[in-house]
Amino acid sequence: MDISVLLSTYKRPGLLAQTLASFCHMDASGLLWEVLVVDNAGDGETRRVVEGVQGKLDITCLLETRKGKNNALNRAVEEAKGSLLVFTDDDIIAERSWLREMWEGVERWPRFSVFGGRILPRFPSAHVPLPRQHPFFIGAYVLADWGIHEGPYNAAYVWGPNMAVRAKIFREGWRFDPHIGPNGSNYIMGSETEFTKRMEKAGYRAVYLPKSLVHHQIRPEQMKVRWLYGRSFRDGRQKAIWYGWPDVPLLFGVPRYLVRQLLETGMERLFRFYDRERAVDLGLRYWNIRGMLHQYRKERPVKRKE
């Protein structure tokens, strides 16, 4: 088997059906490839969607009862037969050349083990609540279009909907961290990024393959400000983990400077309510700080010198 395509899903059969439909039109002649869908909910409709394409794809539906995307991906890794494991999500639309471009790109870089492709958002007809140049836009809608040529790049830019790893890496014992990543509504973001950065630290550099392209389906609820604030909160939790405990004075057991920033940002939001774009920007910052405070509070040391 050349390629195993791995994805986790949780009660999203409508989106999954569109993803699998795009796989059915894949131009991958000459490649032996399989699809492993991990149902992380035990959802009957999900299984029916998979069964509906079994005559068109070499596809297997696995059940993982331990909740969390990374638990599901680790289960798929155990079952995959391909020499290259391609990871994606249940809400993408793949270009017909996606897998071929990924495979040929991997062959061009035989000394590298981690690869990332390009990801473009596919919006519904609703209005985008942020200006497209806003820095939060890139992460919120998973826009991995870095404007650079094929070649080595920062592993932090390898994103989950379009990444590949040589199978030998997992045979060496590498796995995704089950303590982070999608799991309910309040989770720590950055599951694949944590994995790729950990690999980069161990000497496994990443390569960008811009011709390997998928489109991320943006759902209508993701166009709402409330959803953006929730994502900003989860991003704040991720930042706290990445930054670690700062050597600064504490207030109520958390970094005092963050409490001050939260209060200042909250006050400015009250006085800038008339400027919607600025108010949304301040709201993102406010919820990001709250996410950091939430995570620091959960992981604060038992004893700490002030």
Protein backbone atom coordinates (compact mmCIF):
# COMPACT_ATOMS: atom_id res chain seq x y z
CA MET A 1 0.00 0.00 0.00
CA ASP A 2 1.39 3.41 -1.00
CA ILE A 3 -0.89 5.81 0.87
CA SER A 4 -3.24 5.59 3.82
CA VAL A 5 -5.59 8.57 4.18
CA LEU A 6 -6.59 8.96 7.84
CA LEU A 7 -9.36 11.11 9.29
CA SER A 8 -11.43 11.29 12.45
CA THR A 9 -15.10 12.25 12.54
CA TYR A 10 -17.64 12.99 15.24
CA LYS A 11 -21.33 13.16 14.24
CA ARG A 12 -20.86 15.18 11.06
CA PRO A 13 -22.17 12.81 8.36
CA GLY A 14 -23.20 15.62 6.01
CA LEU A 15 -19.73 17.13 5.86
CA LEU A 16 -18.11 13.70 5.77
CA ALA A 17 -20.23 12.71 2.77
CA GLN A 18 -18.90 15.68 0.78
CA THR A 19 -15.33 14.87 1.78
CA LEU A 20 -15.65 11.25 0.69
CA ALA A 21 -17.37 12.28 -2.54
CA SER A 22 -14.29 14.33 -3.43
CA PHE A 23 -12.12 11.26 -2.75
CA CYS A 24 -14.23 9.26 -5.21
CA HIS A 25 -13.10 11.60 -7.99
CA MET A 26 -9.42 11.47 -7.07
CA ASP A 27 -6.91 11.17 -9.91
CA ALA A 28 -4.64 8.63 -8.25
CA SER A 29 -4.15 6.05 -10.98
CA GLY A 30 -1.07 3.91 -10.39
CA LEU A 31 -1.21 4.48 -6.62
CA LEU A 32 -2.43 1.93 -4.13
CA TRP A 33 -4.31 3.84 -1.46
CA GLU A 34 -6.84 3.31 1.28
CA VAL A 35 -9.05 5.50 3.46
CA LEU A 36 -9.45 4.95 7.21
CA VAL A 37 -12.36 6.82 8.80
CA VAL A 38 -12.40 6.71 12.59
CA ASP A 39 -15.87 7.20 14.06
CA ASN A 40 -15.28 8.80 17.46
CA ALA A 41 -18.98 8.77 18.40
CA GLY A 42 -20.42 5.39 17.40
CA ASP A 43 -22.80 7.20 15.05
CA GLY A 44 -24.96 5.03 12.82
CA GLU A 45 -25.37 7.70 10.15
CA THR A 46 -21.59 8.07 9.89
CA ARG A 47 -21.24 4.36 9.25
CA ARG A 48 -23.95 4.50 6.58
CA VAL A 49 -22.10 7.33 4.82
CA VAL A 50 -18.94 5.22 4.73
CA GLU A 51 -20.83 2.15 3.54
CA GLY A 52 -22.27 4.25 0.73
CA VAL A 53 -18.86 4.68 -0.92
CA GLN A 54 -17.36 1.27 -0.24
CA GLY A 55 -17.80 0.24 -3.84
CA LYS A 56 -15.86 3.29 -5.01
CA LEU A 57 -13.08 3.50 -2.41
CA ASP A 58 -10.90 1.10 -0.48
CA ILE A 59 -12.35 2.41 2.77
CA THR A 60 -12.62 1.14 6.34
CA CYS A 61 -14.67 2.59 9.19
CA LEU A 62 -13.09 2.12 12.61
CA LEU A 63 -14.71 2.82 15.97
CA GLU A 64 -12.73 4.56 18.72
CA THR A 65 -14.65 4.87 21.98
CA ARG A 66 -12.01 6.99 23.75
CA LYS A 67 -13.12 10.53 23.03
CA GLY A 68 -10.78 13.00 21.36
CA LYS A 69 -9.48 13.44 17.83
CA ASN A 70 -5.95 12.41 18.75
CA ASN A 71 -7.14 9.16 20.30
CA ALA A 72 -8.93 8.49 17.02
CA LEU A 73 -5.88 9.30 14.91
CA ASN A 74 -3.65 7.10 17.05
CA ARG A 75 -6.11 4.25 16.48
CA ALA A 76 -5.96 4.82 12.70
CA VAL A 77 -2.17 4.84 12.78
CA GLU A 78 -2.23 1.33 14.25
CA GLU A 79 -4.38 0.06 11.37
CA ALA A 80 -2.83 1.93 8.41
CA LYS A 81 -1.01 -0.11 5.77
CA GLY A 82 0.48 2.66 3.63
CA SER A 83 4.11 3.70 3.53
CA LEU A 84 2.88 7.30 3.63
CA LEU A 85 0.17 8.38 6.07
CA VAL A 86 -1.84 11.36 4.85
CA PHE A 87 -3.93 13.08 7.52
CA THR A 88 -6.95 15.22 6.83
CA ASP A 89 -10.30 16.24 8.35
CA ASP A 90 -13.92 15.29 7.73
CA ASP A 91 -14.78 18.76 6.38
CA ILE A 92 -12.47 19.17 3.39
CA ILE A 93 -12.96 18.97 -0.36
CA ALA A 94 -9.87 17.51 -2.01
CA GLU A 95 -8.57 18.57 -5.40
CA ARG A 96 -8.43 15.67 -7.88
CA SER A 97 -4.64 15.86 -7.92
CA TRP A 98 -4.26 16.08 -4.13
CA LEU A 99 -2.78 12.67 -3.41
CA ARG A 100 -0.70 12.47 -6.58
CA GLU A 101 0.88 15.85 -5.84
CA MET A 102 1.54 14.79 -2.26
CA TRP A 103 3.08 11.48 -3.31
CA GLU A 104 5.29 12.97 -6.01
CA GLY A 105 6.38 15.75 -3.67
CA VAL A 106 7.35 13.27 -0.98
CA GLU A 107 9.45 11.38 -3.51
CA ARG A 108 11.30 14.59 -4.38
CA TRP A 109 12.36 15.00 -0.72
CA PRO A 110 13.56 11.53 0.34
CA ARG A 111 15.46 12.78 3.42
CA PHE A 112 12.39 14.45 4.94
CA SER A 113 9.59 12.79 6.87
CA VAL A 114 6.93 15.47 7.45
CA PHE A 115 4.99 17.26 4.70
CA GLY A 116 2.30 19.90 4.56
CA GLY A 117 0.08 20.95 1.68
CA ARG A 118 -1.96 24.03 0.86
CA ILE A 119 -5.39 24.66 2.42
CA LEU A 120 -7.90 27.21 1.14
CA PRO A 121 -11.23 28.04 2.84
CA ARG A 122 -14.53 27.47 1.05
CA PHE A 123 -17.02 29.93 2.53
CA PRO A 124 -20.81 29.75 2.56
CA SER A 125 -22.67 32.74 1.19
CA ALA A 126 -22.70 34.52 4.56
CA HIS A 127 -20.63 37.62 5.26
CA VAL A 128 -17.13 37.05 6.66
CA PRO A 129 -17.15 38.73 10.12
CA LEU A 130 -13.48 39.79 9.93
CA PRO A 131 -11.47 41.61 7.29
CA ARG A 132 -9.53 39.08 5.25
CA GLN A 133 -6.19 40.60 6.24
CA HIS A 134 -6.89 40.12 9.95
CA PRO A 135 -4.21 37.84 11.46
CA PHE A 136 -6.81 35.75 13.29
CA PHE A 137 -8.49 34.95 9.98
CA ILE A 138 -5.64 32.62 8.94
CA GLY A 139 -5.93 30.25 11.88
CA ALA A 140 -9.68 30.52 12.42
CA TYR A 141 -10.52 29.39 8.90
CA VAL A 142 -7.43 27.20 8.40
CA LEU A 143 -5.92 29.19 5.56
CA ALA A 144 -2.56 27.51 4.85
CA ASP A 145 -1.52 29.42 1.74
CA TRP A 146 1.93 30.65 2.64
CA GLY A 147 2.98 32.23 -0.64
CA ILE A 148 6.28 30.36 -0.77
CA HIS A 149 7.75 27.80 -3.13
CA GLU A 150 8.06 24.09 -2.44
CA GLY A 151 10.73 23.36 0.12
CA PRO A 152 11.59 23.13 3.82
CA TYR A 153 9.60 25.37 6.17
CA ASN A 154 8.55 25.81 9.79
CA ALA A 155 6.81 22.69 11.09
CA ALA A 156 4.27 24.91 12.89
CA TYR A 157 2.78 25.65 9.46
CA VAL A 158 1.95 22.00 8.79
CA TRP A 159 -1.76 21.91 9.54
CA GLY A 160 -4.07 18.97 10.18
CA PRO A 161 -6.38 19.09 7.14
CA ASN A 162 -3.44 18.51 4.79
CA MET A 163 -0.38 16.84 6.27
CA ALA A 164 1.59 13.66 5.57
CA VAL A 165 4.11 11.67 7.59
CA ARG A 166 6.17 8.68 6.53
CA ALA A 167 4.83 5.54 8.20
CA LYS A 168 8.26 4.60 9.51
CA ILE A 169 8.01 7.51 11.95
CA PHE A 170 5.06 5.88 13.67
CA ARG A 171 6.78 2.52 13.68
CA GLU A 172 9.46 4.23 15.76
CA GLY A 173 6.80 4.95 18.37
CA TRP A 174 5.68 8.51 17.59
CA ARG A 175 2.04 9.28 18.43
CA PHE A 176 -0.30 12.25 18.80
CA ASP A 177 -0.82 13.64 22.30
CA PRO A 178 -4.35 12.60 23.39
CA HIS A 179 -4.53 15.36 26.00
CA ILE A 180 -4.94 18.10 23.39
CA GLY A 181 -6.94 18.58 20.22
CA PRO A 182 -10.69 18.50 19.47
CA ASN A 183 -12.67 16.86 22.26
CA GLY A 184 -15.98 18.51 23.05
CA SER A 185 -16.39 22.28 22.87
CA ASN A 186 -13.66 23.45 25.27
CA TYR A 187 -10.42 21.84 24.21
CA ILE A 188 -6.78 22.80 23.77
CA MET A 189 -6.02 23.56 20.15
CA GLY A 190 -2.91 22.68 18.19
CA SER A 191 -2.93 18.88 18.20
CA GLU A 192 -1.12 18.35 14.90
CA THR A 193 1.09 21.39 15.48
CA GLU A 194 2.23 19.99 18.82
CA PHE A 195 3.11 16.76 17.05
CA THR A 196 5.02 18.36 14.16
CA LYS A 197 6.91 20.76 16.45
CA ARG A 198 7.89 17.83 18.67
CA MET A 199 9.19 16.03 15.60
CA GLU A 200 11.04 19.13 14.41
CA LYS A 201 12.74 19.39 17.78
CA ALA A 202 13.89 15.78 17.33
CA GLY A 203 15.44 16.64 13.95
CA TYR A 204 12.60 15.79 11.54
CA ARG A 205 12.14 18.87 9.37
CA ALA A 206 9.03 19.64 7.31
CA VAL A 207 8.54 20.34 3.59
CA TYR A 208 5.80 22.50 2.05
CA LEU A 209 4.09 21.07 -1.06
CA PRO A 210 1.84 23.88 -2.36
CA LYS A 211 0.48 21.88 -5.31
CA SER A 212 -1.13 19.41 -2.91
CA LEU A 213 -4.38 21.29 -2.28
CA VAL A 214 -7.56 20.79 -0.25
CA HIS A 215 -10.42 23.17 0.51
CA HIS A 216 -11.74 23.61 4.04
CA GLN A 217 -15.55 23.72 4.22
CA ILE A 218 -16.57 26.66 6.42
CA ARG A 219 -19.85 26.01 8.20
CA PRO A 220 -22.47 28.79 8.64
CA GLU A 221 -22.04 28.81 12.43
CA GLN A 222 -18.33 29.51 11.94
CA MET A 223 -19.27 32.84 10.38
CA LYS A 224 -20.67 34.08 13.68
CA VAL A 225 -18.71 36.21 16.13
CA ARG A 226 -19.58 33.89 19.02
CA TRP A 227 -17.82 31.01 17.27
CA LEU A 228 -14.74 33.16 16.66
CA TYR A 229 -14.61 34.12 20.33
CA GLY A 230 -14.78 30.44 21.31
CA ARG A 231 -11.90 29.63 18.99
CA SER A 232 -9.90 32.54 20.40
CA PHE A 233 -10.47 31.17 23.91
CA ARG A 234 -9.18 27.74 22.87
CA ASP A 235 -6.23 29.37 21.16
CA GLY A 236 -5.42 31.12 24.43
CA ARG A 237 -5.31 27.77 26.21
CA GLN A 238 -2.87 26.54 23.60
CA LYS A 239 -0.65 29.60 24.00
CA ALA A 240 -0.43 29.11 27.76
CA ILE A 241 0.87 25.59 27.23
CA TRP A 242 3.38 26.69 24.61
CA TYR A 243 4.65 29.62 26.66
CA GLY A 244 4.82 27.73 29.93
CA TRP A 245 4.73 29.42 33.31
CA PRO A 246 6.16 32.97 33.05
CA ASP A 247 8.47 34.13 35.82
CA VAL A 248 6.26 37.04 36.82
CA PRO A 249 4.25 38.14 39.88
CA LEU A 250 0.93 36.36 40.40
CA LEU A 251 -2.52 37.59 41.29
CA PHE A 252 -5.16 35.06 42.37
CA GLY A 253 -2.72 32.33 41.33
CA VAL A 254 -2.30 33.50 37.70
CA PRO A 255 0.09 35.94 35.98
CA ARG A 256 -0.79 39.43 37.20
CA TYR A 257 -0.04 41.11 33.87
CA LEU A 258 -2.71 38.99 32.17
CA VAL A 259 -5.33 40.01 34.73
CA ARG A 260 -4.45 43.64 34.02
CA GLN A 261 -4.64 43.10 30.26
CA LEU A 262 -8.02 41.40 30.61
CA LEU A 263 -9.46 44.32 32.57
CA GLU A 264 -8.02 46.92 30.19
CA THR A 265 -9.31 45.07 27.13
CA GLY A 266 -12.74 44.59 28.68
CA MET A 267 -13.02 48.31 29.47
CA GLU A 268 -11.97 49.31 25.96
CA ARG A 269 -14.59 46.95 24.50
CA LEU A 270 -17.28 48.82 26.46
CA PHE A 271 -16.18 52.17 25.06
CA ARG A 272 -15.70 50.99 21.46
CA PHE A 273 -19.04 49.20 20.99
CA TYR A 274 -19.96 51.64 18.18
CA ASP A 275 -16.99 50.53 16.04
CA ARG A 276 -18.00 46.96 15.15
CA GLU A 277 -14.72 45.94 13.52
CA ARG A 278 -12.66 47.25 16.43
CA ALA A 279 -15.08 45.73 18.95
CA VAL A 280 -14.72 42.29 17.35
CA ASP A 281 -10.94 42.67 17.35
CA LEU A 282 -10.98 43.57 21.05
CA GLY A 283 -13.37 40.69 21.71
CA LEU A 284 -10.91 38.25 20.16
CA ARG A 285 -8.14 39.59 22.36
CA TYR A 286 -10.37 39.50 25.45
CA TRP A 287 -11.33 35.83 24.96
CA ASN A 288 -7.76 34.89 24.07
CA ILE A 289 -6.55 36.28 27.38
CA ARG A 290 -9.36 34.48 29.19
CA GLY A 291 -8.26 31.23 27.58
CA MET A 292 -4.70 31.75 28.78
CA LEU A 293 -5.89 32.53 32.31
CA HIS A 294 -8.12 29.46 32.28
CA GLN A 295 -5.21 27.19 31.35
CA TYR A 296 -2.78 28.78 33.80
CA ARG A 297 -5.35 28.35 36.57
CA LYS A 298 -5.73 24.65 35.72
CA GLU A 299 -1.99 24.02 35.69
CA ARG A 300 -0.66 26.41 38.33
CA PRO A 301 2.16 25.02 40.45
CA VAL A 302 1.37 23.96 44.01
CA LYS A 303 4.19 26.10 45.34
CA ARG A 304 5.61 29.15 43.67
CA LYS A 305 7.79 32.01 44.88
CA GLU A 306 6.22 35.40 44.40
